[in-house]
Amino acid sequence: MRCKYVLPSGEQCKANAVKNSTHCYFHSPLISEAEKKAAQAKGGANRARKLDQPLPGIKLEKLADVKQFMSNVIGQAAKGEMDTRAAKDLIYMATEWRNTQTAYINKKGSEDICDIF
């Protein structure tokens, strides 16, 4: 459900209402201005996705490398060793890299994509 707050322009706020409320977080009369300002100052810092520890140096030069990387990430997430949101982001990036490699292979007939960078 959308927030019921009406902006000075006469338009309704486009944000989603907080669960069990008729208003979004920033228009809720139940939340103090101090809390709203503190949340705004954080600017999404609570949602930042960081790995608990850096990944070892990884070379994604061949399609098999990308497949192995994706398999490792999925395995770590499944065992609870990696935040699932971070795993999702890594899988997305690996998929984009795989798609780039595949397009290069289809165009050039070679898996050696590293020479284009």
C-alpha atoms as a PDB file:
ATOM      1  CA  MET A   1       0.000   0.000   0.000  1.00  0.00           C
ATOM      2  CA  ARG A   2       1.236   3.499  -0.799  1.00  0.00           C
ATOM      3  CA  CYS A   3       1.900   6.153   1.794  1.00  0.00           C
ATOM      4  CA  LYS A   4      -1.190   8.315   2.408  1.00  0.00           C
ATOM      5  CA  TYR A   5       0.830  11.538   2.852  1.00  0.00           C
ATOM      6  CA  VAL A   6      -0.066  14.303   0.403  1.00  0.00           C
ATOM      7  CA  LEU A   7       2.868  16.435  -0.721  1.00  0.00           C
ATOM      8  CA  PRO A   8       2.622  20.252  -0.865  1.00  0.00           C
ATOM      9  CA  SER A   9       2.254  19.899  -4.650  1.00  0.00           C
ATOM     10  CA  GLY A  10      -0.976  17.980  -4.062  1.00  0.00           C
ATOM     11  CA  GLU A  11       0.515  14.665  -5.209  1.00  0.00           C
ATOM     12  CA  GLN A  12       0.389  11.585  -3.012  1.00  0.00           C
ATOM     13  CA  CYS A  13       3.736  10.283  -1.723  1.00  0.00           C
ATOM     14  CA  LYS A  14       4.926   7.440  -3.962  1.00  0.00           C
ATOM     15  CA  ALA A  15       6.731   5.480  -1.217  1.00  0.00           C
ATOM     16  CA  ASN A  16       5.337   2.267   0.206  1.00  0.00           C
ATOM     17  CA  ALA A  17       3.722   2.460   3.621  1.00  0.00           C
ATOM     18  CA  VAL A  18       5.481   0.820   6.552  1.00  0.00           C
ATOM     19  CA  LYS A  19       4.005  -2.545   7.558  1.00  0.00           C
ATOM     20  CA  ASN A  20       0.813  -2.092   9.609  1.00  0.00           C
ATOM     21  CA  SER A  21       0.798   1.660   8.887  1.00  0.00           C
ATOM     22  CA  THR A  22      -0.767   4.050   6.418  1.00  0.00           C
ATOM     23  CA  HIS A  23       2.411   6.124   5.990  1.00  0.00           C
ATOM     24  CA  CYS A  24       5.985   5.555   4.825  1.00  0.00           C
ATOM     25  CA  TYR A  25       8.828   5.803   7.326  1.00  0.00           C
ATOM     26  CA  PHE A  26       9.509   9.502   6.650  1.00  0.00           C
ATOM     27  CA  HIS A  27       5.873  10.597   6.803  1.00  0.00           C
ATOM     28  CA  SER A  28       4.868   8.429   9.766  1.00  0.00           C
ATOM     29  CA  PRO A  29       3.576  10.492  12.702  1.00  0.00           C
ATOM     30  CA  LEU A  30       4.758   7.679  15.007  1.00  0.00           C
ATOM     31  CA  ILE A  31       8.456   8.264  14.254  1.00  0.00           C
ATOM     32  CA  SER A  32      10.205  11.290  15.756  1.00  0.00           C
ATOM     33  CA  GLU A  33      11.939  13.865  13.595  1.00  0.00           C
ATOM     34  CA  ALA A  34      15.232  12.977  15.317  1.00  0.00           C
ATOM     35  CA  GLU A  35      14.865   9.310  14.286  1.00  0.00           C
ATOM     36  CA  LYS A  36      14.015  10.321  10.734  1.00  0.00           C
ATOM     37  CA  LYS A  37      17.053  12.614  10.508  1.00  0.00           C
ATOM     38  CA  ALA A  38      19.330   9.921  11.920  1.00  0.00           C
ATOM     39  CA  ALA A  39      18.020   7.386   9.390  1.00  0.00           C
ATOM     40  CA  GLN A  40      18.447   9.878   6.561  1.00  0.00           C
ATOM     41  CA  ALA A  41      22.023  10.633   7.655  1.00  0.00           C
ATOM     42  CA  LYS A  42      22.913   6.921   7.495  1.00  0.00           C
ATOM     43  CA  GLY A  43      21.724   6.884   3.903  1.00  0.00           C
ATOM     44  CA  GLY A  44      21.322   3.135   3.577  1.00  0.00           C
ATOM     45  CA  ALA A  45      24.530   2.243   5.407  1.00  0.00           C
ATOM     46  CA  ASN A  46      22.645  -0.544   7.181  1.00  0.00           C
ATOM     47  CA  ARG A  47      21.960  -2.187   3.818  1.00  0.00           C
ATOM     48  CA  ALA A  48      25.578  -2.065   2.639  1.00  0.00           C
ATOM     49  CA  ARG A  49      26.787  -5.468   1.520  1.00  0.00           C
ATOM     50  CA  LYS A  50      30.282  -6.406   2.569  1.00  0.00           C
ATOM     51  CA  LEU A  51      31.970  -9.744   2.717  1.00  0.00           C
ATOM     52  CA  ASP A  52      33.173 -10.817   6.155  1.00  0.00           C
ATOM     53  CA  GLN A  53      36.540 -11.580   4.628  1.00  0.00           C
ATOM     54  CA  PRO A  54      37.969 -10.809   1.202  1.00  0.00           C
ATOM     55  CA  LEU A  55      37.859 -13.458  -1.472  1.00  0.00           C
ATOM     56  CA  PRO A  56      41.201 -14.922  -2.528  1.00  0.00           C
ATOM     57  CA  GLY A  57      42.641 -13.651  -5.791  1.00  0.00           C
ATOM     58  CA  ILE A  58      40.421 -15.012  -8.534  1.00  0.00           C
ATOM     59  CA  LYS A  59      41.116 -15.094 -12.244  1.00  0.00           C
ATOM     60  CA  LEU A  60      38.058 -15.384 -14.458  1.00  0.00           C
ATOM     61  CA  GLU A  61      39.722 -15.915 -17.792  1.00  0.00           C
ATOM     62  CA  LYS A  62      37.827 -18.899 -19.171  1.00  0.00           C
ATOM     63  CA  LEU A  63      34.182 -19.937 -18.982  1.00  0.00           C
ATOM     64  CA  ALA A  64      35.199 -22.844 -16.754  1.00  0.00           C
ATOM     65  CA  ASP A  65      36.703 -20.335 -14.276  1.00  0.00           C
ATOM     66  CA  VAL A  66      33.403 -18.467 -14.063  1.00  0.00           C
ATOM     67  CA  LYS A  67      31.487 -21.718 -13.598  1.00  0.00           C
ATOM     68  CA  GLN A  68      33.823 -22.762 -10.760  1.00  0.00           C
ATOM     69  CA  PHE A  69      33.567 -19.320  -9.128  1.00  0.00           C
ATOM     70  CA  MET A  70      29.773 -19.402  -9.241  1.00  0.00           C
ATOM     71  CA  SER A  71      29.752 -22.905  -7.817  1.00  0.00           C
ATOM     72  CA  ASN A  72      32.005 -21.810  -4.923  1.00  0.00           C
ATOM     73  CA  VAL A  73      29.859 -18.748  -4.152  1.00  0.00           C
ATOM     74  CA  ILE A  74      26.641 -20.777  -4.156  1.00  0.00           C
ATOM     75  CA  GLY A  75      28.280 -23.393  -1.937  1.00  0.00           C
ATOM     76  CA  GLN A  76      29.477 -20.788   0.566  1.00  0.00           C
ATOM     77  CA  ALA A  77      26.053 -19.141   0.699  1.00  0.00           C
ATOM     78  CA  ALA A  78      24.331 -22.502   1.136  1.00  0.00           C
ATOM     79  CA  LYS A  79      26.592 -23.335   4.098  1.00  0.00           C
ATOM     80  CA  GLY A  80      25.980 -19.931   5.679  1.00  0.00           C
ATOM     81  CA  GLU A  81      29.589 -18.869   5.114  1.00  0.00           C
ATOM     82  CA  MET A  82      28.576 -15.888   2.955  1.00  0.00           C
ATOM     83  CA  ASP A  83      25.758 -13.382   3.188  1.00  0.00           C
ATOM     84  CA  THR A  84      23.153 -14.393   0.607  1.00  0.00           C
ATOM     85  CA  ARG A  85      22.747 -10.799  -0.612  1.00  0.00           C
ATOM     86  CA  ALA A  86      26.487 -10.547  -1.254  1.00  0.00           C
ATOM     87  CA  ALA A  87      26.390 -13.949  -2.970  1.00  0.00           C
ATOM     88  CA  LYS A  88      23.541 -12.748  -5.194  1.00  0.00           C
ATOM     89  CA  ASP A  89      25.568  -9.677  -6.196  1.00  0.00           C
ATOM     90  CA  LEU A  90      28.641 -11.793  -6.966  1.00  0.00           C
ATOM     91  CA  ILE A  91      26.594 -14.247  -9.020  1.00  0.00           C
ATOM     92  CA  TYR A  92      25.082 -11.335 -10.952  1.00  0.00           C
ATOM     93  CA  MET A  93      28.526  -9.893 -11.722  1.00  0.00           C
ATOM     94  CA  ALA A  94      29.874 -13.312 -12.691  1.00  0.00           C
ATOM     95  CA  THR A  95      26.877 -13.848 -14.975  1.00  0.00           C
ATOM     96  CA  GLU A  96      27.537 -10.528 -16.711  1.00  0.00           C
ATOM     97  CA  TRP A  97      31.199 -11.488 -17.114  1.00  0.00           C
ATOM     98  CA  ARG A  98      30.167 -14.900 -18.507  1.00  0.00           C
ATOM     99  CA  ASN A  99      27.805 -13.205 -20.968  1.00  0.00           C
ATOM    100  CA  THR A 100      30.635 -10.901 -22.078  1.00  0.00           C
ATOM    101  CA  GLN A 101      32.936 -13.881 -22.550  1.00  0.00           C
ATOM    102  CA  THR A 102      30.298 -15.805 -24.488  1.00  0.00           C
ATOM    103  CA  ALA A 103      29.661 -12.849 -26.803  1.00  0.00           C
ATOM    104  CA  TYR A 104      33.415 -12.494 -27.385  1.00  0.00           C
ATOM    105  CA  ILE A 105      33.790 -16.208 -28.099  1.00  0.00           C
ATOM    106  CA  ASN A 106      30.900 -16.112 -30.555  1.00  0.00           C
ATOM    107  CA  LYS A 107      32.446 -13.125 -32.319  1.00  0.00           C
ATOM    108  CA  LYS A 108      36.126 -14.101 -32.270  1.00  0.00           C
ATOM    109  CA  GLY A 109      35.999 -17.873 -31.882  1.00  0.00           C
ATOM    110  CA  SER A 110      38.433 -17.819 -28.954  1.00  0.00           C
ATOM    111  CA  GLU A 111      38.057 -18.010 -25.179  1.00  0.00           C
ATOM    112  CA  ASP A 112      40.999 -15.674 -24.605  1.00  0.00           C
ATOM    113  CA  ILE A 113      39.048 -12.559 -23.688  1.00  0.00           C
ATOM    114  CA  CYS A 114      41.907 -11.079 -21.662  1.00  0.00           C
ATOM    115  CA  ASP A 115      43.557  -9.570 -24.741  1.00  0.00           C
ATOM    116  CA  ILE A 116      40.753  -7.019 -25.157  1.00  0.00           C
ATOM    117  CA  PHE A 117      41.487  -5.288 -21.823  1.00  0.00           C
END
